[in-house]
Structures are given as C-alpha cells and as structure tokens.
Amino acid sequence: MKVKAYKLGFYDHKRRREGEVFHINSEQEFSFEWMMKYDAEKNAFLKLKKPEKVEEDKMKKQAEAKAEAEKAALVAAAQVVEEESASQVEEPTDIIADDDYSSDDDVI
C-alpha cells in the first residue's frame, strides 16, 4: 500500500520525514498519527481519521445540533410568553381625581 508521511514518523527501521512517499505491507501497519493513504481513483493522498475519532466527532456534532434545537425551542417559547403578556395589559379600573388627595389638614 502506498502512503505518504505528513509528519515525522518511523517505519521499517527508518525515520520517515514529512512528505516522504513509501510502501507499507498491510493495513495493520498504517498509522493514523502520521501517514496519508494514497487513493488511486482520486490520484491523491488522503489523510484519514481514526475510526474512534470519527465516531467521537459524529457524537459531538449530534450533541451540538441537539443543544441548538433546544435553544431555538426556548427562544420560541419565550417569544410566545412575551406576546401573550403584551396582549394582556390591564387597563386601570379606578380613576382617582387629584382633589381626592388634597385635604385641609395637610396645609401648614
């Protein structure tokens, strides 16, 4: 299998420097840490992620999407409550005249 080192690594008793292209014997010898796999169909080297890292990234994205959906639901609920409270403004029922507060006892 044709691979390329994207950072310093060690294979077959040799130090492989960044950019070095070489062959490995099997998939088991492939290192996600410093090798890129050659894709003949695309005629390019592809940097692969560890399967655990792919699953971890997927779970992280799902958690972020869930948090965003919950945030949007809370914002929508807050807007509904705000609109309802704005439409239920109470009108004053008792009108007090200014002369109700004045009395002769307050004069000094």
PDB file of N, CA and C in Angstrom:
ATOM      1  N   MET A   1       0.845  -1.167   0.000  1.00  0.00           N
ATOM      2  CA  MET A   1       0.000   0.000   0.000  1.00  0.00           C
ATOM      3  C   MET A   1       0.897   1.237   0.000  1.00  0.00           C
ATOM      4  N   LYS A   2       0.568   2.181  -0.865  1.00  0.00           N
ATOM      5  CA  LYS A   2       1.343   3.398  -0.999  1.00  0.00           C
ATOM      6  C   LYS A   2       0.854   4.425   0.012  1.00  0.00           C
ATOM      7  N   VAL A   3       1.797   5.016   0.770  1.00  0.00           N
ATOM      8  CA  VAL A   3       1.461   6.019   1.779  1.00  0.00           C
ATOM      9  C   VAL A   3       2.449   7.178   1.706  1.00  0.00           C
ATOM     10  N   LYS A   4       2.072   8.255   2.403  1.00  0.00           N
ATOM     11  CA  LYS A   4       2.925   9.436   2.464  1.00  0.00           C
ATOM     12  C   LYS A   4       2.942   9.928   3.902  1.00  0.00           C
ATOM     13  N   ALA A   5       4.106  10.304   4.395  1.00  0.00           N
ATOM     14  CA  ALA A   5       4.228  10.835   5.751  1.00  0.00           C
ATOM     15  C   ALA A   5       3.826  12.309   5.738  1.00  0.00           C
ATOM     16  N   TYR A   6       2.875  12.681   6.607  1.00  0.00           N
ATOM     17  CA  TYR A   6       2.523  14.101   6.682  1.00  0.00           C
ATOM     18  C   TYR A   6       3.189  14.770   7.884  1.00  0.00           C
ATOM     19  N   LYS A   7       3.852  13.948   8.705  1.00  0.00           N
ATOM     20  CA  LYS A   7       4.761  14.468   9.720  1.00  0.00           C
ATOM     21  C   LYS A   7       5.775  13.369  10.028  1.00  0.00           C
ATOM     22  N   LEU A   8       6.772  13.673  10.792  1.00  0.00           N
ATOM     23  CA  LEU A   8       7.861  12.751  11.076  1.00  0.00           C
ATOM     24  C   LEU A   8       7.332  11.460  11.697  1.00  0.00           C
ATOM     25  N   GLY A   9       7.800  10.324  11.185  1.00  0.00           N
ATOM     26  CA  GLY A   9       7.391   9.029  11.706  1.00  0.00           C
ATOM     27  C   GLY A   9       8.502   8.006  11.548  1.00  0.00           C
ATOM     28  N   PHE A  10       8.225   6.771  11.986  1.00  0.00           N
ATOM     29  CA  PHE A  10       9.215   5.712  11.937  1.00  0.00           C
ATOM     30  C   PHE A  10       8.555   4.451  11.410  1.00  0.00           C
ATOM     31  N   TYR A  11       9.153   3.872  10.334  1.00  0.00           N
ATOM     32  CA  TYR A  11       8.615   2.648   9.745  1.00  0.00           C
ATOM     33  C   TYR A  11       9.752   1.852   9.122  1.00  0.00           C
ATOM     34  N   ASP A  12       9.727   0.534   9.296  1.00  0.00           N
ATOM     35  CA  ASP A  12      10.706  -0.384   8.696  1.00  0.00           C
ATOM     36  C   ASP A  12      12.135   0.024   9.055  1.00  0.00           C
ATOM     37  N   HIS A  13      12.361   0.299  10.326  1.00  0.00           N
ATOM     38  CA  HIS A  13      13.667   0.660  10.862  1.00  0.00           C
ATOM     39  C   HIS A  13      14.238   1.933  10.234  1.00  0.00           C
ATOM     40  N   LYS A  14      13.371   2.779   9.730  1.00  0.00           N
ATOM     41  CA  LYS A  14      13.824   4.030   9.111  1.00  0.00           C
ATOM     42  C   LYS A  14      12.941   5.181   9.581  1.00  0.00           C
ATOM     43  N   ARG A  15      13.569   6.330   9.724  1.00  0.00           N
ATOM     44  CA  ARG A  15      12.823   7.538  10.028  1.00  0.00           C
ATOM     45  C   ARG A  15      12.233   8.066   8.725  1.00  0.00           C
ATOM     46  N   ARG A  16      10.935   8.301   8.720  1.00  0.00           N
ATOM     47  CA  ARG A  16      10.262   8.811   7.527  1.00  0.00           C
ATOM     48  C   ARG A  16       9.940  10.284   7.765  1.00  0.00           C
ATOM     49  N   ARG A  17      10.456  11.103   6.907  1.00  0.00           N
ATOM     50  CA  ARG A  17      10.285  12.549   7.062  1.00  0.00           C
ATOM     51  C   ARG A  17       8.996  13.024   6.382  1.00  0.00           C
ATOM     52  N   GLU A  18       8.547  14.194   6.775  1.00  0.00           N
ATOM     53  CA  GLU A  18       7.340  14.780   6.197  1.00  0.00           C
ATOM     54  C   GLU A  18       7.471  14.869   4.674  1.00  0.00           C
ATOM     55  N   GLY A  19       6.441  14.390   3.961  1.00  0.00           N
ATOM     56  CA  GLY A  19       6.433  14.433   2.504  1.00  0.00           C
ATOM     57  C   GLY A  19       7.001  13.181   1.834  1.00  0.00           C
ATOM     58  N   GLU A  20       7.634  12.312   2.577  1.00  0.00           N
ATOM     59  CA  GLU A  20       8.229  11.092   2.012  1.00  0.00           C
ATOM     60  C   GLU A  20       7.138  10.088   1.616  1.00  0.00           C
ATOM     61  N   VAL A  21       7.250   9.550   0.400  1.00  0.00           N
ATOM     62  CA  VAL A  21       6.303   8.549  -0.096  1.00  0.00           C
ATOM     63  C   VAL A  21       6.994   7.185  -0.030  1.00  0.00           C
ATOM     64  N   PHE A  22       6.280   6.177   0.500  1.00  0.00           N
ATOM     65  CA  PHE A  22       6.843   4.835   0.634  1.00  0.00           C
ATOM     66  C   PHE A  22       5.702   3.820   0.658  1.00  0.00           C
ATOM     67  N   HIS A  23       6.044   2.562   0.681  1.00  0.00           N
ATOM     68  CA  HIS A  23       5.054   1.477   0.680  1.00  0.00           C
ATOM     69  C   HIS A  23       5.077   0.748   2.012  1.00  0.00           C
ATOM     70  N   ILE A  24       3.891   0.362   2.495  1.00  0.00           N
ATOM     71  CA  ILE A  24       3.786  -0.471   3.684  1.00  0.00           C
ATOM     72  C   ILE A  24       3.189  -1.811   3.257  1.00  0.00           C
ATOM     73  N   ASN A  25       3.390  -2.829   4.071  1.00  0.00           N
ATOM     74  CA  ASN A  25       2.992  -4.186   3.696  1.00  0.00           C
ATOM     75  C   ASN A  25       1.510  -4.475   3.877  1.00  0.00           C
ATOM     76  N   SER A  26       0.854  -3.820   4.856  1.00  0.00           N
ATOM     77  CA  SER A  26      -0.550  -4.144   5.118  1.00  0.00           C
ATOM     78  C   SER A  26      -1.258  -2.974   5.809  1.00  0.00           C
ATOM     79  N   GLU A  27      -2.581  -3.092   5.889  1.00  0.00           N
ATOM     80  CA  GLU A  27      -3.405  -2.083   6.576  1.00  0.00           C
ATOM     81  C   GLU A  27      -3.030  -1.992   8.054  1.00  0.00           C
ATOM     82  N   GLN A  28      -2.632  -3.111   8.662  1.00  0.00           N
ATOM     83  CA  GLN A  28      -2.284  -3.125  10.072  1.00  0.00           C
ATOM     84  C   GLN A  28      -1.069  -2.251  10.377  1.00  0.00           C
ATOM     85  N   GLU A  29      -0.231  -2.020   9.398  1.00  0.00           N
ATOM     86  CA  GLU A  29       0.956  -1.193   9.596  1.00  0.00           C
ATOM     87  C   GLU A  29       0.678   0.294   9.399  1.00  0.00           C
ATOM     88  N   PHE A  30      -0.504   0.619   8.959  1.00  0.00           N
ATOM     89  CA  PHE A  30      -0.857   2.019   8.717  1.00  0.00           C
ATOM     90  C   PHE A  30      -1.014   2.759  10.045  1.00  0.00           C
ATOM     91  N   SER A  31      -0.481   3.981  10.112  1.00  0.00           N
ATOM     92  CA  SER A  31      -0.606   4.818  11.308  1.00  0.00           C
ATOM     93  C   SER A  31      -1.426   6.063  10.979  1.00  0.00           C
ATOM     94  N   PHE A  32      -2.534   6.233  11.714  1.00  0.00           N
ATOM     95  CA  PHE A  32      -3.358   7.425  11.530  1.00  0.00           C
ATOM     96  C   PHE A  32      -2.646   8.674  12.026  1.00  0.00           C
ATOM     97  N   GLU A  33      -1.650   8.478  12.873  1.00  0.00           N
ATOM     98  CA  GLU A  33      -0.958   9.595  13.505  1.00  0.00           C
ATOM     99  C   GLU A  33      -0.061  10.385  12.550  1.00  0.00           C
ATOM    100  N   TRP A  34       0.494   9.714  11.517  1.00  0.00           N
ATOM    101  CA  TRP A  34       1.449  10.440  10.683  1.00  0.00           C
ATOM    102  C   TRP A  34       1.468  10.022   9.212  1.00  0.00           C
ATOM    103  N   MET A  35       0.584   9.118   8.807  1.00  0.00           N
ATOM    104  CA  MET A  35       0.559   8.655   7.409  1.00  0.00           C
ATOM    105  C   MET A  35      -0.718   9.090   6.692  1.00  0.00           C
ATOM    106  N   MET A  36      -0.586   9.287   5.370  1.00  0.00           N
ATOM    107  CA  MET A  36      -1.728   9.522   4.495  1.00  0.00           C
ATOM    108  C   MET A  36      -1.779   8.377   3.498  1.00  0.00           C
ATOM    109  N   LYS A  37      -2.970   7.906   3.219  1.00  0.00           N
ATOM    110  CA  LYS A  37      -3.155   6.788   2.301  1.00  0.00           C
ATOM    111  C   LYS A  37      -3.333   7.317   0.877  1.00  0.00           C
ATOM    112  N   TYR A  38      -2.750   6.619  -0.087  1.00  0.00           N
ATOM    113  CA  TYR A  38      -2.888   7.007  -1.488  1.00  0.00           C
ATOM    114  C   TYR A  38      -4.176   6.422  -2.056  1.00  0.00           C
ATOM    115  N   ASP A  39      -4.983   7.266  -2.683  1.00  0.00           N
ATOM    116  CA  ASP A  39      -6.221   6.839  -3.332  1.00  0.00           C
ATOM    117  C   ASP A  39      -5.989   6.898  -4.843  1.00  0.00           C
ATOM    118  N   ALA A  40      -5.914   5.734  -5.476  1.00  0.00           N
ATOM    119  CA  ALA A  40      -5.619   5.662  -6.911  1.00  0.00           C
ATOM    120  C   ALA A  40      -6.725   6.290  -7.747  1.00  0.00           C
ATOM    121  N   GLU A  41      -7.997   6.151  -7.305  1.00  0.00           N
ATOM    122  CA  GLU A  41      -9.111   6.723  -8.064  1.00  0.00           C
ATOM    123  C   GLU A  41      -9.037   8.246  -8.114  1.00  0.00           C
ATOM    124  N   LYS A  42      -8.672   8.843  -7.011  1.00  0.00           N
ATOM    125  CA  LYS A  42      -8.585  10.308  -6.947  1.00  0.00           C
ATOM    126  C   LYS A  42      -7.189  10.806  -7.281  1.00  0.00           C
ATOM    127  N   ASN A  43      -6.245   9.871  -7.404  1.00  0.00           N
ATOM    128  CA  ASN A  43      -4.853  10.207  -7.681  1.00  0.00           C
ATOM    129  C   ASN A  43      -4.340  11.229  -6.663  1.00  0.00           C
ATOM    130  N   ALA A  44      -4.645  10.951  -5.389  1.00  0.00           N
ATOM    131  CA  ALA A  44      -4.258  11.875  -4.328  1.00  0.00           C
ATOM    132  C   ALA A  44      -4.054  11.113  -3.026  1.00  0.00           C
ATOM    133  N   PHE A  45      -3.327  11.749  -2.118  1.00  0.00           N
ATOM    134  CA  PHE A  45      -3.146  11.194  -0.788  1.00  0.00           C
ATOM    135  C   PHE A  45      -4.246  11.744   0.113  1.00  0.00           C
ATOM    136  N   LEU A  46      -4.827  10.859   0.928  1.00  0.00           N
ATOM    137  CA  LEU A  46      -5.921  11.236   1.813  1.00  0.00           C
ATOM    138  C   LEU A  46      -5.511  11.033   3.263  1.00  0.00           C
ATOM    139  N   LYS A  47      -5.706  12.066   4.058  1.00  0.00           N
ATOM    140  CA  LYS A  47      -5.434  11.957   5.484  1.00  0.00           C
ATOM    141  C   LYS A  47      -6.690  11.378   6.137  1.00  0.00           C
ATOM    142  N   LEU A  48      -6.551  10.218   6.742  1.00  0.00           N
ATOM    143  CA  LEU A  48      -7.690   9.525   7.340  1.00  0.00           C
ATOM    144  C   LEU A  48      -7.742   9.772   8.837  1.00  0.00           C
ATOM    145  N   LYS A  49      -8.960   9.717   9.389  1.00  0.00           N
ATOM    146  CA  LYS A  49      -9.139   9.826  10.841  1.00  0.00           C
ATOM    147  C   LYS A  49      -9.278   8.430  11.430  1.00  0.00           C
ATOM    148  N   LYS A  50      -8.889   8.295  12.680  1.00  0.00           N
ATOM    149  CA  LYS A  50      -9.096   7.031  13.380  1.00  0.00           C
ATOM    150  C   LYS A  50     -10.590   6.769  13.467  1.00  0.00           C
ATOM    151  N   PRO A  51     -11.007   5.525  13.366  1.00  0.00           N
ATOM    152  CA  PRO A  51     -12.440   5.220  13.481  1.00  0.00           C
ATOM    153  C   PRO A  51     -13.054   5.744  14.782  1.00  0.00           C
ATOM    154  N   GLU A  52     -12.304   5.678  15.892  1.00  0.00           N
ATOM    155  CA  GLU A  52     -12.823   6.198  17.162  1.00  0.00           C
ATOM    156  C   GLU A  52     -13.026   7.707  17.081  1.00  0.00           C
ATOM    157  N   LYS A  53     -12.118   8.396  16.420  1.00  0.00           N
ATOM    158  CA  LYS A  53     -12.192   9.852  16.284  1.00  0.00           C
ATOM    159  C   LYS A  53     -13.390  10.232  15.429  1.00  0.00           C
ATOM    160  N   VAL A  54     -13.659   9.475  14.381  1.00  0.00           N
ATOM    161  CA  VAL A  54     -14.806   9.730  13.514  1.00  0.00           C
ATOM    162  C   VAL A  54     -16.094   9.615  14.317  1.00  0.00           C
ATOM    163  N   GLU A  55     -16.205   8.557  15.121  1.00  0.00           N
ATOM    164  CA  GLU A  55     -17.399   8.357  15.949  1.00  0.00           C
ATOM    165  C   GLU A  55     -17.521   9.463  16.999  1.00  0.00           C
ATOM    166  N   GLU A  56     -16.397   9.855  17.585  1.00  0.00           N
ATOM    167  CA  GLU A  56     -16.398  10.926  18.582  1.00  0.00           C
ATOM    168  C   GLU A  56     -16.861  12.241  17.956  1.00  0.00           C
ATOM    169  N   ASP A  57     -16.365  12.560  16.771  1.00  0.00           N
ATOM    170  CA  ASP A  57     -16.775  13.782  16.068  1.00  0.00           C
ATOM    171  C   ASP A  57     -18.264  13.748  15.733  1.00  0.00           C
ATOM    172  N   LYS A  58     -18.747  12.580  15.328  1.00  0.00           N
ATOM    173  CA  LYS A  58     -20.164  12.430  14.988  1.00  0.00           C
ATOM    174  C   LYS A  58     -21.039  12.688  16.211  1.00  0.00           C
ATOM    175  N   MET A  59     -20.646  12.117  17.355  1.00  0.00           N
ATOM    176  CA  MET A  59     -21.418  12.302  18.584  1.00  0.00           C
ATOM    177  C   MET A  59     -21.377  13.759  19.039  1.00  0.00           C
ATOM    178  N   LYS A  60     -20.240  14.408  18.865  1.00  0.00           N
ATOM    179  CA  LYS A  60     -20.105  15.815  19.245  1.00  0.00           C
ATOM    180  C   LYS A  60     -21.017  16.689  18.393  1.00  0.00           C
ATOM    181  N   LYS A  61     -21.056  16.432  17.093  1.00  0.00           N
ATOM    182  CA  LYS A  61     -21.924  17.196  16.197  1.00  0.00           C
ATOM    183  C   LYS A  61     -23.398  16.974  16.532  1.00  0.00           C
ATOM    184  N   GLN A  62     -23.767  15.732  16.885  1.00  0.00           N
ATOM    185  CA  GLN A  62     -25.151  15.449  17.259  1.00  0.00           C
ATOM    186  C   GLN A  62     -25.524  16.191  18.538  1.00  0.00           C
ATOM    187  N   ALA A  63     -24.617  16.229  19.514  1.00  0.00           N
ATOM    188  CA  ALA A  63     -24.879  16.940  20.766  1.00  0.00           C
ATOM    189  C   ALA A  63     -25.025  18.437  20.520  1.00  0.00           C
ATOM    190  N   GLU A  64     -24.180  18.992  19.644  1.00  0.00           N
ATOM    191  CA  GLU A  64     -24.262  20.414  19.317  1.00  0.00           C
ATOM    192  C   GLU A  64     -25.582  20.731  18.612  1.00  0.00           C
ATOM    193  N   ALA A  65     -26.015  19.863  17.710  1.00  0.00           N
ATOM    194  CA  ALA A  65     -27.275  20.070  16.999  1.00  0.00           C
ATOM    195  C   ALA A  65     -28.452  19.997  17.972  1.00  0.00           C
ATOM    196  N   LYS A  66     -28.392  19.072  18.913  1.00  0.00           N
ATOM    197  CA  LYS A  66     -29.463  18.944  19.909  1.00  0.00           C
ATOM    198  C   LYS A  66     -29.521  20.191  20.785  1.00  0.00           C
ATOM    199  N   ALA A  67     -28.368  20.690  21.198  1.00  0.00           N
ATOM    200  CA  ALA A  67     -28.318  21.898  22.023  1.00  0.00           C
ATOM    201  C   ALA A  67     -28.875  23.100  21.270  1.00  0.00           C
ATOM    202  N   GLU A  68     -28.547  23.221  19.993  1.00  0.00           N
ATOM    203  CA  GLU A  68     -29.070  24.321  19.173  1.00  0.00           C
ATOM    204  C   GLU A  68     -30.589  24.224  19.038  1.00  0.00           C
ATOM    205  N   ALA A  69     -31.101  23.013  18.853  1.00  0.00           N
ATOM    206  CA  ALA A  69     -32.551  22.823  18.727  1.00  0.00           C
ATOM    207  C   ALA A  69     -33.252  23.186  20.029  1.00  0.00           C
ATOM    208  N   GLU A  70     -32.677  22.791  21.162  1.00  0.00           N
ATOM    209  CA  GLU A  70     -33.265  23.134  22.456  1.00  0.00           C
ATOM    210  C   GLU A  70     -33.242  24.639  22.681  1.00  0.00           C
ATOM    211  N   LYS A  71     -32.158  25.280  22.292  1.00  0.00           N
ATOM    212  CA  LYS A  71     -32.040  26.737  22.428  1.00  0.00           C
ATOM    213  C   LYS A  71     -33.099  27.436  21.584  1.00  0.00           C
ATOM    214  N   ALA A  72     -33.278  26.975  20.358  1.00  0.00           N
ATOM    215  CA  ALA A  72     -34.281  27.566  19.468  1.00  0.00           C
ATOM    216  C   ALA A  72     -35.684  27.384  20.038  1.00  0.00           C
ATOM    217  N   ALA A  73     -35.959  26.221  20.637  1.00  0.00           N
ATOM    218  CA  ALA A  73     -37.272  25.960  21.240  1.00  0.00           C
ATOM    219  C   ALA A  73     -37.505  26.895  22.427  1.00  0.00           C
ATOM    220  N   LEU A  74     -36.471  27.126  23.230  1.00  0.00           N
ATOM    221  CA  LEU A  74     -36.603  28.036  24.364  1.00  0.00           C
ATOM    222  C   LEU A  74     -36.846  29.473  23.911  1.00  0.00           C
ATOM    223  N   VAL A  75     -36.161  29.888  22.879  1.00  0.00           N
ATOM    224  CA  VAL A  75     -36.353  31.245  22.343  1.00  0.00           C
ATOM    225  C   VAL A  75     -37.769  31.400  21.813  1.00  0.00           C
ATOM    226  N   ALA A  76     -38.260  30.399  21.097  1.00  0.00           N
ATOM    227  CA  ALA A  76     -39.619  30.447  20.553  1.00  0.00           C
ATOM    228  C   ALA A  76     -40.643  30.495  21.688  1.00  0.00           C
ATOM    229  N   ALA A  77     -40.441  29.709  22.735  1.00  0.00           N
ATOM    230  CA  ALA A  77     -41.364  29.706  23.872  1.00  0.00           C
ATOM    231  C   ALA A  77     -41.344  31.050  24.586  1.00  0.00           C
ATOM    232  N   ALA A  78     -40.180  31.643  24.729  1.00  0.00           N
ATOM    233  CA  ALA A  78     -40.068  32.954  25.369  1.00  0.00           C
ATOM    234  C   ALA A  78     -40.788  34.025  24.547  1.00  0.00           C
ATOM    235  N   GLN A  79     -40.718  33.941  23.236  1.00  0.00           N
ATOM    236  CA  GLN A  79     -41.408  34.903  22.380  1.00  0.00           C
ATOM    237  C   GLN A  79     -42.916  34.770  22.522  1.00  0.00           C
ATOM    238  N   VAL A  80     -43.415  33.551  22.631  1.00  0.00           N
ATOM    239  CA  VAL A  80     -44.856  33.319  22.794  1.00  0.00           C
ATOM    240  C   VAL A  80     -45.327  33.916  24.115  1.00  0.00           C
ATOM    241  N   VAL A  81     -44.578  33.660  25.190  1.00  0.00           N
ATOM    242  CA  VAL A  81     -44.938  34.198  26.503  1.00  0.00           C
ATOM    243  C   VAL A  81     -44.917  35.717  26.472  1.00  0.00           C
ATOM    244  N   GLU A  82     -43.916  36.288  25.832  1.00  0.00           N
ATOM    245  CA  GLU A  82     -43.808  37.748  25.730  1.00  0.00           C
ATOM    246  C   GLU A  82     -44.991  38.339  24.967  1.00  0.00           C
ATOM    247  N   GLU A  83     -45.375  37.704  23.876  1.00  0.00           N
ATOM    248  CA  GLU A  83     -46.507  38.182  23.085  1.00  0.00           C
ATOM    249  C   GLU A  83     -47.806  38.082  23.879  1.00  0.00           C
ATOM    250  N   GLU A  84     -47.986  36.991  24.617  1.00  0.00           N
ATOM    251  CA  GLU A  84     -49.192  36.821  25.421  1.00  0.00           C
ATOM    252  C   GLU A  84     -49.270  37.853  26.523  1.00  0.00           C
ATOM    253  N   SER A  85     -48.158  38.125  27.184  1.00  0.00           N
ATOM    254  CA  SER A  85     -48.168  39.095  28.274  1.00  0.00           C
ATOM    255  C   SER A  85     -48.365  40.508  27.742  1.00  0.00           C
ATOM    256  N   ALA A  86     -47.887  40.779  26.550  1.00  0.00           N
ATOM    257  CA  ALA A  86     -48.075  42.109  25.960  1.00  0.00           C
ATOM    258  C   ALA A  86     -49.535  42.329  25.580  1.00  0.00           C
ATOM    259  N   SER A  87     -50.224  41.276  25.189  1.00  0.00           N
ATOM    260  CA  SER A  87     -51.624  41.416  24.793  1.00  0.00           C
ATOM    261  C   SER A  87     -52.561  41.448  25.986  1.00  0.00           C
ATOM    262  N   GLN A  88     -52.072  41.134  27.171  1.00  0.00           N
ATOM    263  CA  GLN A  88     -52.911  41.104  28.361  1.00  0.00           C
ATOM    264  C   GLN A  88     -52.626  42.260  29.304  1.00  0.00           C
ATOM    265  N   VAL A  89     -52.323  43.420  28.772  1.00  0.00           N
ATOM    266  CA  VAL A  89     -52.065  44.602  29.599  1.00  0.00           C
ATOM    267  C   VAL A  89     -53.381  45.023  30.225  1.00  0.00           C
ATOM    268  N   GLU A  90     -53.361  45.178  31.554  1.00  0.00           N
ATOM    269  CA  GLU A  90     -54.580  45.540  32.264  1.00  0.00           C
ATOM    270  C   GLU A  90     -54.812  47.042  32.209  1.00  0.00           C
ATOM    271  N   GLU A  91     -56.078  47.400  31.969  1.00  0.00           N
ATOM    272  CA  GLU A  91     -56.479  48.801  31.986  1.00  0.00           C
ATOM    273  C   GLU A  91     -56.792  49.166  33.434  1.00  0.00           C
ATOM    274  N   PRO A  92     -56.496  50.400  33.851  1.00  0.00           N
ATOM    275  CA  PRO A  92     -56.820  50.801  35.224  1.00  0.00           C
ATOM    276  C   PRO A  92     -58.339  50.803  35.433  1.00  0.00           C
ATOM    277  N   THR A  93     -58.780  50.301  36.580  1.00  0.00           N
ATOM    278  CA  THR A  93     -60.213  50.229  36.856  1.00  0.00           C
ATOM    279  C   THR A  93     -60.688  51.394  37.709  1.00  0.00           C
ATOM    280  N   ASP A  94     -59.876  51.901  38.579  1.00  0.00           N
ATOM    281  CA  ASP A  94     -60.254  53.037  39.420  1.00  0.00           C
ATOM    282  C   ASP A  94     -59.488  54.265  38.990  1.00  0.00           C
ATOM    283  N   ILE A  95     -60.208  55.313  38.701  1.00  0.00           N
ATOM    284  CA  ILE A  95     -59.575  56.573  38.353  1.00  0.00           C
ATOM    285  C   ILE A  95     -59.711  57.481  39.564  1.00  0.00           C
ATOM    286  N   ILE A  96     -58.577  57.963  40.033  1.00  0.00           N
ATOM    287  CA  ILE A  96     -58.563  58.795  41.232  1.00  0.00           C
ATOM    288  C   ILE A  96     -58.351  60.235  40.792  1.00  0.00           C
ATOM    289  N   ALA A  97     -59.224  61.113  41.252  1.00  0.00           N
ATOM    290  CA  ALA A  97     -59.106  62.532  40.927  1.00  0.00           C
ATOM    291  C   ALA A  97     -58.037  63.163  41.804  1.00  0.00           C
ATOM    292  N   ASP A  98     -57.424  64.221  41.301  1.00  0.00           N
ATOM    293  CA  ASP A  98     -56.372  64.901  42.044  1.00  0.00           C
ATOM    294  C   ASP A  98     -56.886  65.470  43.359  1.00  0.00           C
ATOM    295  N   ASP A  99     -58.132  65.946  43.374  1.00  0.00           N
ATOM    296  CA  ASP A  99     -58.626  66.590  44.578  1.00  0.00           C
ATOM    297  C   ASP A  99     -58.946  65.583  45.685  1.00  0.00           C
ATOM    298  N   ASP A 100     -58.936  64.266  45.391  1.00  0.00           N
ATOM    299  CA  ASP A 100     -59.146  63.263  46.428  1.00  0.00           C
ATOM    300  C   ASP A 100     -57.961  63.192  47.392  1.00  0.00           C
ATOM    301  N   TYR A 101     -56.805  63.630  46.933  1.00  0.00           N
ATOM    302  CA  TYR A 101     -55.619  63.558  47.780  1.00  0.00           C
ATOM    303  C   TYR A 101     -55.425  64.836  48.609  1.00  0.00           C
ATOM    304  N   SER A 102     -56.077  65.852  48.264  1.00  0.00           N
ATOM    305  CA  SER A 102     -55.857  67.106  48.997  1.00  0.00           C
ATOM    306  C   SER A 102     -56.841  67.219  50.143  1.00  0.00           C
ATOM    307  N   SER A 103     -56.370  67.726  51.221  1.00  0.00           N
ATOM    308  CA  SER A 103     -57.239  67.973  52.373  1.00  0.00           C
ATOM    309  C   SER A 103     -56.769  69.219  53.097  1.00  0.00           C
ATOM    310  N   ASP A 104     -57.599  69.753  53.872  1.00  0.00           N
ATOM    311  CA  ASP A 104     -57.246  70.978  54.586  1.00  0.00           C
ATOM    312  C   ASP A 104     -56.275  70.699  55.717  1.00  0.00           C
ATOM    313  N   ASP A 105     -56.192  69.455  56.160  1.00  0.00           N
ATOM    314  CA  ASP A 105     -55.303  69.105  57.242  1.00  0.00           C
ATOM    315  C   ASP A 105     -53.833  69.135  56.820  1.00  0.00           C
ATOM    316  N   ASP A 106     -53.551  69.016  55.514  1.00  0.00           N
ATOM    317  CA  ASP A 106     -52.181  68.999  55.037  1.00  0.00           C
ATOM    318  C   ASP A 106     -51.569  70.382  54.959  1.00  0.00           C
ATOM    319  N   VAL A 107     -52.354  71.427  55.078  1.00  0.00           N
ATOM    320  CA  VAL A 107     -51.840  72.799  54.932  1.00  0.00           C
ATOM    321  C   VAL A 107     -51.168  73.188  56.238  1.00  0.00           C
ATOM    322  N   ILE A 108     -49.993  73.770  56.150  1.00  0.00           N
ATOM    323  CA  ILE A 108     -49.255  74.184  57.343  1.00  0.00           C
ATOM    324  C   ILE A 108     -49.436  75.668  57.571  1.00  0.00           C
TER     325      ILE A 108
END
